[in-house]
């Protein structure tokens, strides 16, 4: 392991649900976990600066700005944390657990997606819900927002595309092109489409424009699979993250592997080494200079390993060779 990658000190003690870099920075990182903690790291110093503890597992987190982080989890509640003062504020709640939390920079609000089949928009100054997007009968499993555009992947294998300014109706509703349960969805940085992954070692690259010429560019591919004694092992693709500058993307699977892909030229650019255990979360920093890799044992295999690997967060500084389109 060269200087281009290192392990963070004081990782969570249970499944890492999310790793997220601070806005416009590769120095600060937030991590949420099933151990009920939200941790704030100074990556450059490799130190945990703050730890907030809840009674229930935290399923996602997001930076509001460099000193404010929000979280949602199994207690249905949205919380705001001030890293400097250690203050913690209860902002609001859903009727069921909150699965996804995203910062909607466009309106300086927070979006939460829940198993109660709704996405809510929160005004963080007034600490109140200012909009509700009903997800047409599907639990929210994954969500992505860039500017005014939101994509939501639901439990019934649907994808709903929304405009942040219009809560009364979605712009588009699609059936997932993947046959099995969706794990993750992420908008292209240019908002022209999205990438989604499933539990069955597969990723789809989709475009929003209905023009038949544009639709011809969509495709799906198999990944995070291997052959053992002539039997194909197929692993869930749990995590996706885009490089905002090069528009390439990383996938992380339960096969302990991280791959970088060029979706426009349908090529794999590189594959990192095998990690300790399943990749549960990935996040490129805003400028693509750093990639946070959350590794957690996800209890997906029929036989329990002799010793369950401990959760770990790796920070990798990928080269252009690894992330730039050839």
C-alpha atoms as a PDB file:
ATOM      1  CA  UNK A   1       0.000   0.000   0.000  1.00  0.00           C
ATOM      2  CA  UNK A   2       1.786   3.150  -1.215  1.00  0.00           C
ATOM      3  CA  UNK A   3       1.456   6.718   0.057  1.00  0.00           C
ATOM      4  CA  UNK A   4      -1.407   7.174  -2.411  1.00  0.00           C
ATOM      5  CA  UNK A   5      -3.703   5.300  -0.014  1.00  0.00           C
ATOM      6  CA  UNK A   6      -4.061   5.057   3.760  1.00  0.00           C
ATOM      7  CA  UNK A   7      -6.490   3.823   6.397  1.00  0.00           C
ATOM      8  CA  UNK A   8      -8.302   6.328   8.629  1.00  0.00           C
ATOM      9  CA  UNK A   9      -7.835   6.029  12.385  1.00  0.00           C
ATOM     10  CA  UNK A  10     -10.896   5.485  14.612  1.00  0.00           C
ATOM     11  CA  UNK A  11     -13.273   3.958  12.056  1.00  0.00           C
ATOM     12  CA  UNK A  12     -16.889   3.089  12.989  1.00  0.00           C
ATOM     13  CA  UNK A  13     -17.383  -0.184  14.871  1.00  0.00           C
ATOM     14  CA  UNK A  14     -20.246  -1.509  12.762  1.00  0.00           C
ATOM     15  CA  UNK A  15     -21.376  -1.327   9.133  1.00  0.00           C
ATOM     16  CA  UNK A  16     -20.383   1.958   7.467  1.00  0.00           C
ATOM     17  CA  UNK A  17     -23.537   3.267   5.796  1.00  0.00           C
ATOM     18  CA  UNK A  18     -21.971   6.339   4.179  1.00  0.00           C
ATOM     19  CA  UNK A  19     -18.700   8.204   3.688  1.00  0.00           C
ATOM     20  CA  UNK A  20     -19.014  11.783   2.379  1.00  0.00           C
ATOM     21  CA  UNK A  21     -16.413  14.465   1.750  1.00  0.00           C
ATOM     22  CA  UNK A  22     -17.109  18.046   2.789  1.00  0.00           C
ATOM     23  CA  UNK A  23     -18.320  20.579   0.247  1.00  0.00           C
ATOM     24  CA  UNK A  24     -15.498  21.713  -2.052  1.00  0.00           C
ATOM     25  CA  UNK A  25     -12.897  20.005   0.115  1.00  0.00           C
ATOM     26  CA  UNK A  26     -10.926  16.801   0.305  1.00  0.00           C
ATOM     27  CA  UNK A  27      -9.773  17.550   3.846  1.00  0.00           C
ATOM     28  CA  UNK A  28     -12.932  16.784   5.816  1.00  0.00           C
ATOM     29  CA  UNK A  29     -14.973  13.595   5.773  1.00  0.00           C
ATOM     30  CA  UNK A  30     -18.147  12.484   7.528  1.00  0.00           C
ATOM     31  CA  UNK A  31     -19.012   8.823   8.099  1.00  0.00           C
ATOM     32  CA  UNK A  32     -22.270   7.339   9.369  1.00  0.00           C
ATOM     33  CA  UNK A  33     -22.692   3.850  10.742  1.00  0.00           C
ATOM     34  CA  UNK A  34     -24.983   1.178  12.119  1.00  0.00           C
ATOM     35  CA  UNK A  35     -23.127   1.635  15.424  1.00  0.00           C
ATOM     36  CA  UNK A  36     -25.215   4.835  15.835  1.00  0.00           C
ATOM     37  CA  UNK A  37     -22.290   7.194  15.312  1.00  0.00           C
ATOM     38  CA  UNK A  38     -21.686  10.101  13.002  1.00  0.00           C
ATOM     39  CA  UNK A  39     -17.928  10.710  12.800  1.00  0.00           C
ATOM     40  CA  UNK A  40     -16.159  13.788  11.471  1.00  0.00           C
ATOM     41  CA  UNK A  41     -12.571  13.356  10.274  1.00  0.00           C
ATOM     42  CA  UNK A  42      -9.743  15.670   9.378  1.00  0.00           C
ATOM     43  CA  UNK A  43      -8.372  13.506   6.565  1.00  0.00           C
ATOM     44  CA  UNK A  44      -5.103  15.419   6.116  1.00  0.00           C
ATOM     45  CA  UNK A  45      -4.251  14.924   9.796  1.00  0.00           C
ATOM     46  CA  UNK A  46      -5.753  11.406   9.853  1.00  0.00           C
ATOM     47  CA  UNK A  47      -7.701  12.213  12.992  1.00  0.00           C
ATOM     48  CA  UNK A  48     -11.304  11.937  14.129  1.00  0.00           C
ATOM     49  CA  UNK A  49     -12.292  15.433  15.272  1.00  0.00           C
ATOM     50  CA  UNK A  50     -15.830  14.733  16.476  1.00  0.00           C
ATOM     51  CA  UNK A  51     -18.140  11.838  17.207  1.00  0.00           C
ATOM     52  CA  UNK A  52     -21.897  12.166  17.726  1.00  0.00           C
ATOM     53  CA  UNK A  53     -23.781   9.152  19.102  1.00  0.00           C
ATOM     54  CA  UNK A  54     -27.416   8.152  18.548  1.00  0.00           C
ATOM     55  CA  UNK A  55     -29.466   5.264  19.948  1.00  0.00           C
ATOM     56  CA  UNK A  56     -30.297   3.890  16.493  1.00  0.00           C
ATOM     57  CA  UNK A  57     -28.275   3.035  13.378  1.00  0.00           C
ATOM     58  CA  UNK A  58     -27.551   5.996  11.079  1.00  0.00           C
ATOM     59  CA  UNK A  59     -28.218   5.142   7.420  1.00  0.00           C
ATOM     60  CA  UNK A  60     -26.851   8.258   5.672  1.00  0.00           C
ATOM     61  CA  UNK A  61     -25.233  11.637   6.223  1.00  0.00           C
ATOM     62  CA  UNK A  62     -24.361  14.770   4.251  1.00  0.00           C
ATOM     63  CA  UNK A  63     -22.465  18.023   4.690  1.00  0.00           C
ATOM     64  CA  UNK A  64     -24.563  21.196   4.815  1.00  0.00           C
ATOM     65  CA  UNK A  65     -21.406  23.295   4.826  1.00  0.00           C
ATOM     66  CA  UNK A  66     -17.910  22.668   6.131  1.00  0.00           C
ATOM     67  CA  UNK A  67     -18.934  22.744   9.844  1.00  0.00           C
ATOM     68  CA  UNK A  68     -22.524  21.458   9.666  1.00  0.00           C
ATOM     69  CA  UNK A  69     -23.381  17.815   8.975  1.00  0.00           C
ATOM     70  CA  UNK A  70     -26.815  16.164   8.844  1.00  0.00           C
ATOM     71  CA  UNK A  71     -27.874  12.561   9.372  1.00  0.00           C
ATOM     72  CA  UNK A  72     -30.915  10.300   9.051  1.00  0.00           C
ATOM     73  CA  UNK A  73     -31.474   6.769  10.260  1.00  0.00           C
ATOM     74  CA  UNK A  74     -33.620   4.048  11.751  1.00  0.00           C
ATOM     75  CA  UNK A  75     -35.135   6.395  14.359  1.00  0.00           C
ATOM     76  CA  UNK A  76     -36.863   8.258  11.443  1.00  0.00           C
ATOM     77  CA  UNK A  77     -35.248  11.563  12.471  1.00  0.00           C
ATOM     78  CA  UNK A  78     -33.228  14.194  10.624  1.00  0.00           C
ATOM     79  CA  UNK A  79     -30.520  15.714  12.793  1.00  0.00           C
ATOM     80  CA  UNK A  80     -28.154  18.635  12.292  1.00  0.00           C
ATOM     81  CA  UNK A  81     -24.725  18.705  13.962  1.00  0.00           C
ATOM     82  CA  UNK A  82     -22.390  21.641  14.449  1.00  0.00           C
ATOM     83  CA  UNK A  83     -18.857  20.286  14.421  1.00  0.00           C
ATOM     84  CA  UNK A  84     -17.367  23.357  16.134  1.00  0.00           C
ATOM     85  CA  UNK A  85     -19.805  23.766  19.023  1.00  0.00           C
ATOM     86  CA  UNK A  86     -20.824  20.069  19.208  1.00  0.00           C
ATOM     87  CA  UNK A  87     -24.451  21.249  19.202  1.00  0.00           C
ATOM     88  CA  UNK A  88     -27.025  18.785  17.920  1.00  0.00           C
ATOM     89  CA  UNK A  89     -30.472  19.824  16.627  1.00  0.00           C
ATOM     90  CA  UNK A  90     -33.481  17.686  15.807  1.00  0.00           C
ATOM     91  CA  UNK A  91     -34.819  19.139  12.543  1.00  0.00           C
ATOM     92  CA  UNK A  92     -37.785  16.880  11.789  1.00  0.00           C
ATOM     93  CA  UNK A  93     -38.886  13.366  10.994  1.00  0.00           C
ATOM     94  CA  UNK A  94     -40.430  10.900   8.549  1.00  0.00           C
ATOM     95  CA  UNK A  95     -42.964   8.189   9.424  1.00  0.00           C
ATOM     96  CA  UNK A  96     -40.416   5.456   8.652  1.00  0.00           C
ATOM     97  CA  UNK A  97     -36.592   5.264   8.676  1.00  0.00           C
ATOM     98  CA  UNK A  98     -34.642   7.818   6.626  1.00  0.00           C
ATOM     99  CA  UNK A  99     -32.508   5.950   4.080  1.00  0.00           C
ATOM    100  CA  UNK A 100     -30.963   8.850   2.106  1.00  0.00           C
ATOM    101  CA  UNK A 101     -29.753  12.337   2.983  1.00  0.00           C
ATOM    102  CA  UNK A 102     -28.438  14.808   0.381  1.00  0.00           C
ATOM    103  CA  UNK A 103     -27.492  18.487   0.400  1.00  0.00           C
ATOM    104  CA  UNK A 104     -29.531  20.359  -2.234  1.00  0.00           C
ATOM    105  CA  UNK A 105     -27.075  23.177  -2.880  1.00  0.00           C
ATOM    106  CA  UNK A 106     -29.415  24.746  -5.457  1.00  0.00           C
ATOM    107  CA  UNK A 107     -31.854  25.809  -2.715  1.00  0.00           C
ATOM    108  CA  UNK A 108     -29.430  25.450   0.224  1.00  0.00           C
ATOM    109  CA  UNK A 109     -31.691  22.823   1.740  1.00  0.00           C
ATOM    110  CA  UNK A 110     -31.513  19.169   2.731  1.00  0.00           C
ATOM    111  CA  UNK A 111     -33.341  16.337   0.982  1.00  0.00           C
ATOM    112  CA  UNK A 112     -34.295  13.182   2.868  1.00  0.00           C
ATOM    113  CA  UNK A 113     -35.578   9.984   1.269  1.00  0.00           C
ATOM    114  CA  UNK A 114     -37.439   7.505   3.431  1.00  0.00           C
ATOM    115  CA  UNK A 115     -38.954   4.061   3.558  1.00  0.00           C
ATOM    116  CA  UNK A 116     -42.257   5.921   4.128  1.00  0.00           C
ATOM    117  CA  UNK A 117     -42.190   6.407   0.302  1.00  0.00           C
ATOM    118  CA  UNK A 118     -41.577  10.169   0.453  1.00  0.00           C
ATOM    119  CA  UNK A 119     -38.708  12.553  -0.240  1.00  0.00           C
ATOM    120  CA  UNK A 120     -38.828  15.707   1.882  1.00  0.00           C
ATOM    121  CA  UNK A 121     -37.091  19.045   1.352  1.00  0.00           C
ATOM    122  CA  UNK A 122     -36.024  20.859   4.526  1.00  0.00           C
ATOM    123  CA  UNK A 123     -35.275  24.527   5.090  1.00  0.00           C
ATOM    124  CA  UNK A 124     -32.382  24.293   7.530  1.00  0.00           C
ATOM    125  CA  UNK A 125     -32.597  27.921   8.687  1.00  0.00           C
ATOM    126  CA  UNK A 126     -36.200  27.551   9.766  1.00  0.00           C
ATOM    127  CA  UNK A 127     -35.803  23.841  10.614  1.00  0.00           C
ATOM    128  CA  UNK A 128     -38.975  22.849   8.798  1.00  0.00           C
ATOM    129  CA  UNK A 129     -40.147  20.746   5.864  1.00  0.00           C
ATOM    130  CA  UNK A 130     -40.920  22.951   2.836  1.00  0.00           C
ATOM    131  CA  UNK A 131     -41.762  20.300   0.254  1.00  0.00           C
ATOM    132  CA  UNK A 132     -42.748  16.659  -0.072  1.00  0.00           C
ATOM    133  CA  UNK A 133     -42.253  14.482  -3.155  1.00  0.00           C
ATOM    134  CA  UNK A 134     -44.428  11.345  -3.030  1.00  0.00           C
ATOM    135  CA  UNK A 135     -42.551   8.435  -4.629  1.00  0.00           C
ATOM    136  CA  UNK A 136     -45.495   6.674  -6.152  1.00  0.00           C
ATOM    137  CA  UNK A 137     -45.663   3.801  -3.722  1.00  0.00           C
ATOM    138  CA  UNK A 138     -41.982   2.850  -3.571  1.00  0.00           C
ATOM    139  CA  UNK A 139     -39.666   2.969  -0.552  1.00  0.00           C
ATOM    140  CA  UNK A 140     -36.674   5.196  -1.237  1.00  0.00           C
ATOM    141  CA  UNK A 141     -33.557   3.039  -1.606  1.00  0.00           C
ATOM    142  CA  UNK A 142     -31.153   5.502  -3.188  1.00  0.00           C
ATOM    143  CA  UNK A 143     -31.194   9.128  -4.274  1.00  0.00           C
ATOM    144  CA  UNK A 144     -29.007  11.659  -6.047  1.00  0.00           C
ATOM    145  CA  UNK A 145     -29.336  15.420  -6.527  1.00  0.00           C
ATOM    146  CA  UNK A 146     -27.470  17.927  -8.718  1.00  0.00           C
ATOM    147  CA  UNK A 147     -28.750  21.510  -9.007  1.00  0.00           C
ATOM    148  CA  UNK A 148     -32.526  21.296  -9.597  1.00  0.00           C
ATOM    149  CA  UNK A 149     -32.561  17.642 -10.643  1.00  0.00           C
ATOM    150  CA  UNK A 150     -33.316  14.691  -8.342  1.00  0.00           C
ATOM    151  CA  UNK A 151     -33.298  10.985  -9.239  1.00  0.00           C
ATOM    152  CA  UNK A 152     -34.841   8.503  -6.839  1.00  0.00           C
ATOM    153  CA  UNK A 153     -34.563   4.701  -7.011  1.00  0.00           C
ATOM    154  CA  UNK A 154     -37.331   2.862  -5.193  1.00  0.00           C
ATOM    155  CA  UNK A 155     -38.058  -0.588  -3.774  1.00  0.00           C
ATOM    156  CA  UNK A 156     -40.403  -1.453  -6.648  1.00  0.00           C
ATOM    157  CA  UNK A 157     -37.557  -1.086  -9.191  1.00  0.00           C
ATOM    158  CA  UNK A 158     -38.774   2.301 -10.365  1.00  0.00           C
ATOM    159  CA  UNK A 159     -36.706   5.411 -11.053  1.00  0.00           C
ATOM    160  CA  UNK A 160     -38.393   8.785 -10.585  1.00  0.00           C
ATOM    161  CA  UNK A 161     -36.889  12.014 -11.880  1.00  0.00           C
ATOM    162  CA  UNK A 162     -37.973  15.230 -10.176  1.00  0.00           C
ATOM    163  CA  UNK A 163     -37.419  18.961 -10.451  1.00  0.00           C
ATOM    164  CA  UNK A 164     -36.642  20.401  -7.033  1.00  0.00           C
ATOM    165  CA  UNK A 165     -38.850  23.419  -7.768  1.00  0.00           C
ATOM    166  CA  UNK A 166     -41.922  21.309  -8.516  1.00  0.00           C
ATOM    167  CA  UNK A 167     -43.148  18.992  -5.767  1.00  0.00           C
ATOM    168  CA  UNK A 168     -46.576  18.205  -7.197  1.00  0.00           C
ATOM    169  CA  UNK A 169     -45.413  15.790  -9.913  1.00  0.00           C
ATOM    170  CA  UNK A 170     -42.313  14.001 -11.176  1.00  0.00           C
ATOM    171  CA  UNK A 171     -40.864  14.848 -14.609  1.00  0.00           C
ATOM    172  CA  UNK A 172     -40.351  11.222 -15.547  1.00  0.00           C
ATOM    173  CA  UNK A 173     -40.937   7.731 -14.187  1.00  0.00           C
ATOM    174  CA  UNK A 174     -39.069   4.718 -15.485  1.00  0.00           C
ATOM    175  CA  UNK A 175     -38.814   1.028 -14.854  1.00  0.00           C
ATOM    176  CA  UNK A 176     -35.294   0.035 -13.802  1.00  0.00           C
ATOM    177  CA  UNK A 177     -33.468  -1.625 -16.682  1.00  0.00           C
ATOM    178  CA  UNK A 178     -31.894  -3.976 -14.112  1.00  0.00           C
ATOM    179  CA  UNK A 179     -33.916  -7.044 -13.199  1.00  0.00           C
ATOM    180  CA  UNK A 180     -32.967  -7.124  -9.524  1.00  0.00           C
ATOM    181  CA  UNK A 181     -33.133  -4.800  -6.512  1.00  0.00           C
ATOM    182  CA  UNK A 182     -31.437  -1.416  -6.906  1.00  0.00           C
ATOM    183  CA  UNK A 183     -28.533  -0.697  -4.589  1.00  0.00           C
ATOM    184  CA  UNK A 184     -27.358   2.737  -5.689  1.00  0.00           C
ATOM    185  CA  UNK A 185     -28.174   5.518  -8.181  1.00  0.00           C
ATOM    186  CA  UNK A 186     -26.087   8.584  -9.108  1.00  0.00           C
ATOM    187  CA  UNK A 187     -26.724  11.409 -11.582  1.00  0.00           C
ATOM    188  CA  UNK A 188     -24.087  12.204 -14.216  1.00  0.00           C
ATOM    189  CA  UNK A 189     -22.295  15.425 -13.200  1.00  0.00           C
ATOM    190  CA  UNK A 190     -23.768  17.022 -16.372  1.00  0.00           C
ATOM    191  CA  UNK A 191     -27.297  15.846 -15.351  1.00  0.00           C
ATOM    192  CA  UNK A 192     -27.912  14.196 -18.736  1.00  0.00           C
ATOM    193  CA  UNK A 193     -28.451  10.756 -17.256  1.00  0.00           C
ATOM    194  CA  UNK A 194     -27.703   8.463 -14.335  1.00  0.00           C
ATOM    195  CA  UNK A 195     -25.868   5.309 -13.395  1.00  0.00           C
ATOM    196  CA  UNK A 196     -27.503   2.666 -11.219  1.00  0.00           C
ATOM    197  CA  UNK A 197     -26.346  -0.621  -9.723  1.00  0.00           C
ATOM    198  CA  UNK A 198     -28.097  -3.754  -8.479  1.00  0.00           C
ATOM    199  CA  UNK A 199     -27.617  -6.665  -6.107  1.00  0.00           C
ATOM    200  CA  UNK A 200     -26.885  -8.903  -9.102  1.00  0.00           C
ATOM    201  CA  UNK A 201     -23.429  -7.666 -10.184  1.00  0.00           C
ATOM    202  CA  UNK A 202     -24.720  -5.295 -12.816  1.00  0.00           C
ATOM    203  CA  UNK A 203     -24.624  -1.582 -13.631  1.00  0.00           C
ATOM    204  CA  UNK A 204     -26.820   0.426 -16.037  1.00  0.00           C
ATOM    205  CA  UNK A 205     -25.913   3.698 -17.741  1.00  0.00           C
ATOM    206  CA  UNK A 206     -29.096   5.575 -18.680  1.00  0.00           C
ATOM    207  CA  UNK A 207     -29.905   8.851 -20.461  1.00  0.00           C
ATOM    208  CA  UNK A 208     -32.836  11.150 -19.699  1.00  0.00           C
ATOM    209  CA  UNK A 209     -33.409  12.580 -23.191  1.00  0.00           C
ATOM    210  CA  UNK A 210     -36.145  10.604 -25.004  1.00  0.00           C
ATOM    211  CA  UNK A 211     -34.558  11.254 -28.405  1.00  0.00           C
ATOM    212  CA  UNK A 212     -34.026   7.770 -29.991  1.00  0.00           C
ATOM    213  CA  UNK A 213     -30.494   8.827 -31.003  1.00  0.00           C
ATOM    214  CA  UNK A 214     -29.632   9.547 -27.355  1.00  0.00           C
ATOM    215  CA  UNK A 215     -31.410   6.420 -26.089  1.00  0.00           C
ATOM    216  CA  UNK A 216     -29.202   4.290 -28.336  1.00  0.00           C
ATOM    217  CA  UNK A 217     -26.266   5.209 -26.106  1.00  0.00           C
ATOM    218  CA  UNK A 218     -27.697   3.553 -22.993  1.00  0.00           C
ATOM    219  CA  UNK A 219     -26.275   0.210 -21.921  1.00  0.00           C
ATOM    220  CA  UNK A 220     -25.856  -2.154 -18.971  1.00  0.00           C
ATOM    221  CA  UNK A 221     -22.890  -4.312 -18.076  1.00  0.00           C
ATOM    222  CA  UNK A 222     -21.920  -7.111 -15.726  1.00  0.00           C
ATOM    223  CA  UNK A 223     -19.257  -6.453 -13.093  1.00  0.00           C
ATOM    224  CA  UNK A 224     -18.124  -7.507  -9.618  1.00  0.00           C
ATOM    225  CA  UNK A 225     -18.248 -11.188 -10.516  1.00  0.00           C
ATOM    226  CA  UNK A 226     -15.640 -13.917 -10.478  1.00  0.00           C
ATOM    227  CA  UNK A 227     -15.284 -17.619 -11.225  1.00  0.00           C
ATOM    228  CA  UNK A 228     -14.405 -20.073  -8.492  1.00  0.00           C
ATOM    229  CA  UNK A 229     -14.148 -23.786  -9.404  1.00  0.00           C
ATOM    230  CA  UNK A 230     -16.112 -23.103 -12.566  1.00  0.00           C
ATOM    231  CA  UNK A 231     -18.978 -21.510 -10.666  1.00  0.00           C
ATOM    232  CA  UNK A 232     -19.709 -17.840 -11.280  1.00  0.00           C
ATOM    233  CA  UNK A 233     -19.919 -15.853  -8.054  1.00  0.00           C
ATOM    234  CA  UNK A 234     -22.126 -12.765  -8.442  1.00  0.00           C
ATOM    235  CA  UNK A 235     -21.847  -9.911  -5.949  1.00  0.00           C
ATOM    236  CA  UNK A 236     -24.009  -6.872  -5.167  1.00  0.00           C
ATOM    237  CA  UNK A 237     -22.689  -3.535  -6.439  1.00  0.00           C
ATOM    238  CA  UNK A 238     -23.307  -1.473  -3.309  1.00  0.00           C
ATOM    239  CA  UNK A 239     -21.706   1.856  -4.107  1.00  0.00           C
ATOM    240  CA  UNK A 240     -21.219   4.345  -6.958  1.00  0.00           C
ATOM    241  CA  UNK A 241     -19.485   7.718  -7.123  1.00  0.00           C
ATOM    242  CA  UNK A 242     -18.713  10.074 -10.008  1.00  0.00           C
ATOM    243  CA  UNK A 243     -15.488  11.949 -10.620  1.00  0.00           C
ATOM    244  CA  UNK A 244     -16.897  15.477 -11.127  1.00  0.00           C
ATOM    245  CA  UNK A 245     -14.082  16.621 -13.413  1.00  0.00           C
ATOM    246  CA  UNK A 246     -13.563  13.606 -15.707  1.00  0.00           C
ATOM    247  CA  UNK A 247     -17.148  12.224 -15.480  1.00  0.00           C
ATOM    248  CA  UNK A 248     -15.795   8.714 -14.948  1.00  0.00           C
ATOM    249  CA  UNK A 249     -17.211   6.717 -12.030  1.00  0.00           C
ATOM    250  CA  UNK A 250     -16.217   4.242  -9.339  1.00  0.00           C
ATOM    251  CA  UNK A 251     -18.154   1.112  -8.357  1.00  0.00           C
ATOM    252  CA  UNK A 252     -17.705  -0.850  -5.139  1.00  0.00           C
ATOM    253  CA  UNK A 253     -18.957  -4.381  -4.623  1.00  0.00           C
ATOM    254  CA  UNK A 254     -19.330  -7.142  -2.066  1.00  0.00           C
ATOM    255  CA  UNK A 255     -16.423  -8.850  -3.874  1.00  0.00           C
ATOM    256  CA  UNK A 256     -14.172  -6.358  -1.958  1.00  0.00           C
ATOM    257  CA  UNK A 257     -13.204  -4.645  -5.215  1.00  0.00           C
ATOM    258  CA  UNK A 258     -13.317  -1.028  -6.435  1.00  0.00           C
ATOM    259  CA  UNK A 259     -13.372  -0.431 -10.201  1.00  0.00           C
ATOM    260  CA  UNK A 260     -13.154   2.840 -12.146  1.00  0.00           C
ATOM    261  CA  UNK A 261     -15.176   3.043 -15.382  1.00  0.00           C
ATOM    262  CA  UNK A 262     -15.405   5.292 -18.400  1.00  0.00           C
ATOM    263  CA  UNK A 263     -19.155   5.075 -19.107  1.00  0.00           C
ATOM    264  CA  UNK A 264     -18.966   7.065 -22.328  1.00  0.00           C
ATOM    265  CA  UNK A 265     -16.461   4.755 -23.984  1.00  0.00           C
ATOM    266  CA  UNK A 266     -17.756   1.609 -22.224  1.00  0.00           C
ATOM    267  CA  UNK A 267     -14.360   0.762 -20.717  1.00  0.00           C
ATOM    268  CA  UNK A 268     -12.939  -0.175 -17.348  1.00  0.00           C
ATOM    269  CA  UNK A 269     -10.041   2.158 -16.609  1.00  0.00           C
ATOM    270  CA  UNK A 270      -8.633   0.323 -13.603  1.00  0.00           C
ATOM    271  CA  UNK A 271      -9.251  -2.015 -10.701  1.00  0.00           C
ATOM    272  CA  UNK A 272      -7.808  -1.372  -7.244  1.00  0.00           C
ATOM    273  CA  UNK A 273      -6.467  -4.127  -4.998  1.00  0.00           C
ATOM    274  CA  UNK A 274      -8.812  -6.336  -2.976  1.00  0.00           C
ATOM    275  CA  UNK A 275      -9.944  -4.679   0.269  1.00  0.00           C
ATOM    276  CA  UNK A 276     -10.572  -6.186   3.730  1.00  0.00           C
ATOM    277  CA  UNK A 277     -14.260  -6.837   3.125  1.00  0.00           C
ATOM    278  CA  UNK A 278     -17.300  -5.662   1.101  1.00  0.00           C
ATOM    279  CA  UNK A 279     -17.309  -2.086  -0.174  1.00  0.00           C
ATOM    280  CA  UNK A 280     -20.370  -0.466   1.423  1.00  0.00           C
ATOM    281  CA  UNK A 281     -19.840   3.181   0.427  1.00  0.00           C
ATOM    282  CA  UNK A 282     -17.728   5.293  -1.955  1.00  0.00           C
ATOM    283  CA  UNK A 283     -17.322   9.036  -2.387  1.00  0.00           C
ATOM    284  CA  UNK A 284     -15.053  11.122  -4.602  1.00  0.00           C
ATOM    285  CA  UNK A 285     -14.164  14.547  -3.241  1.00  0.00           C
ATOM    286  CA  UNK A 286     -15.603  17.468  -5.205  1.00  0.00           C
ATOM    287  CA  UNK A 287     -12.459  17.895  -7.326  1.00  0.00           C
ATOM    288  CA  UNK A 288     -11.889  14.141  -7.745  1.00  0.00           C
ATOM    289  CA  UNK A 289      -8.500  14.301  -6.036  1.00  0.00           C
ATOM    290  CA  UNK A 290      -9.497  11.858  -3.282  1.00  0.00           C
ATOM    291  CA  UNK A 291     -11.736   8.795  -3.036  1.00  0.00           C
ATOM    292  CA  UNK A 292     -13.130   7.616   0.307  1.00  0.00           C
ATOM    293  CA  UNK A 293     -13.757   3.871   0.469  1.00  0.00           C
ATOM    294  CA  UNK A 294     -15.942   2.458   3.243  1.00  0.00           C
ATOM    295  CA  UNK A 295     -15.414  -1.275   3.837  1.00  0.00           C
ATOM    296  CA  UNK A 296     -17.873  -3.225   5.971  1.00  0.00           C
ATOM    297  CA  UNK A 297     -18.855  -6.845   6.359  1.00  0.00           C
ATOM    298  CA  UNK A 298     -22.446  -6.911   5.070  1.00  0.00           C
ATOM    299  CA  UNK A 299     -23.511 -10.351   6.265  1.00  0.00           C
ATOM    300  CA  UNK A 300     -24.440 -11.426   2.727  1.00  0.00           C
ATOM    301  CA  UNK A 301     -22.776 -14.787   2.521  1.00  0.00           C
ATOM    302  CA  UNK A 302     -24.260 -18.157   3.388  1.00  0.00           C
ATOM    303  CA  UNK A 303     -21.359 -19.070   5.654  1.00  0.00           C
ATOM    304  CA  UNK A 304     -20.060 -16.776   8.361  1.00  0.00           C
ATOM    305  CA  UNK A 305     -16.290 -16.176   7.965  1.00  0.00           C
ATOM    306  CA  UNK A 306     -14.008 -17.535  10.697  1.00  0.00           C
ATOM    307  CA  UNK A 307     -13.442 -13.958  11.854  1.00  0.00           C
ATOM    308  CA  UNK A 308     -15.647 -11.069  10.770  1.00  0.00           C
ATOM    309  CA  UNK A 309     -13.468  -8.315   9.286  1.00  0.00           C
ATOM    310  CA  UNK A 310     -13.574  -4.981  11.105  1.00  0.00           C
ATOM    311  CA  UNK A 311     -15.003  -1.923   9.324  1.00  0.00           C
ATOM    312  CA  UNK A 312     -12.397   0.339   7.715  1.00  0.00           C
ATOM    313  CA  UNK A 313     -12.257   3.599   5.791  1.00  0.00           C
ATOM    314  CA  UNK A 314      -9.537   4.041   3.187  1.00  0.00           C
ATOM    315  CA  UNK A 315      -8.600   7.340   1.593  1.00  0.00           C
ATOM    316  CA  UNK A 316      -7.067   6.962  -1.844  1.00  0.00           C
ATOM    317  CA  UNK A 317      -5.542   9.711  -3.992  1.00  0.00           C
ATOM    318  CA  UNK A 318      -6.078   8.281  -7.465  1.00  0.00           C
ATOM    319  CA  UNK A 319      -3.876   9.241 -10.403  1.00  0.00           C
ATOM    320  CA  UNK A 320      -5.130  10.649 -13.707  1.00  0.00           C
ATOM    321  CA  UNK A 321      -4.079   7.338 -15.190  1.00  0.00           C
ATOM    322  CA  UNK A 322      -6.712   5.657 -13.007  1.00  0.00           C
ATOM    323  CA  UNK A 323      -9.563   8.153 -13.397  1.00  0.00           C
ATOM    324  CA  UNK A 324      -9.205  10.053 -16.692  1.00  0.00           C
ATOM    325  CA  UNK A 325     -10.806   8.947 -19.947  1.00  0.00           C
ATOM    326  CA  UNK A 326      -8.177   7.490 -22.262  1.00  0.00           C
END
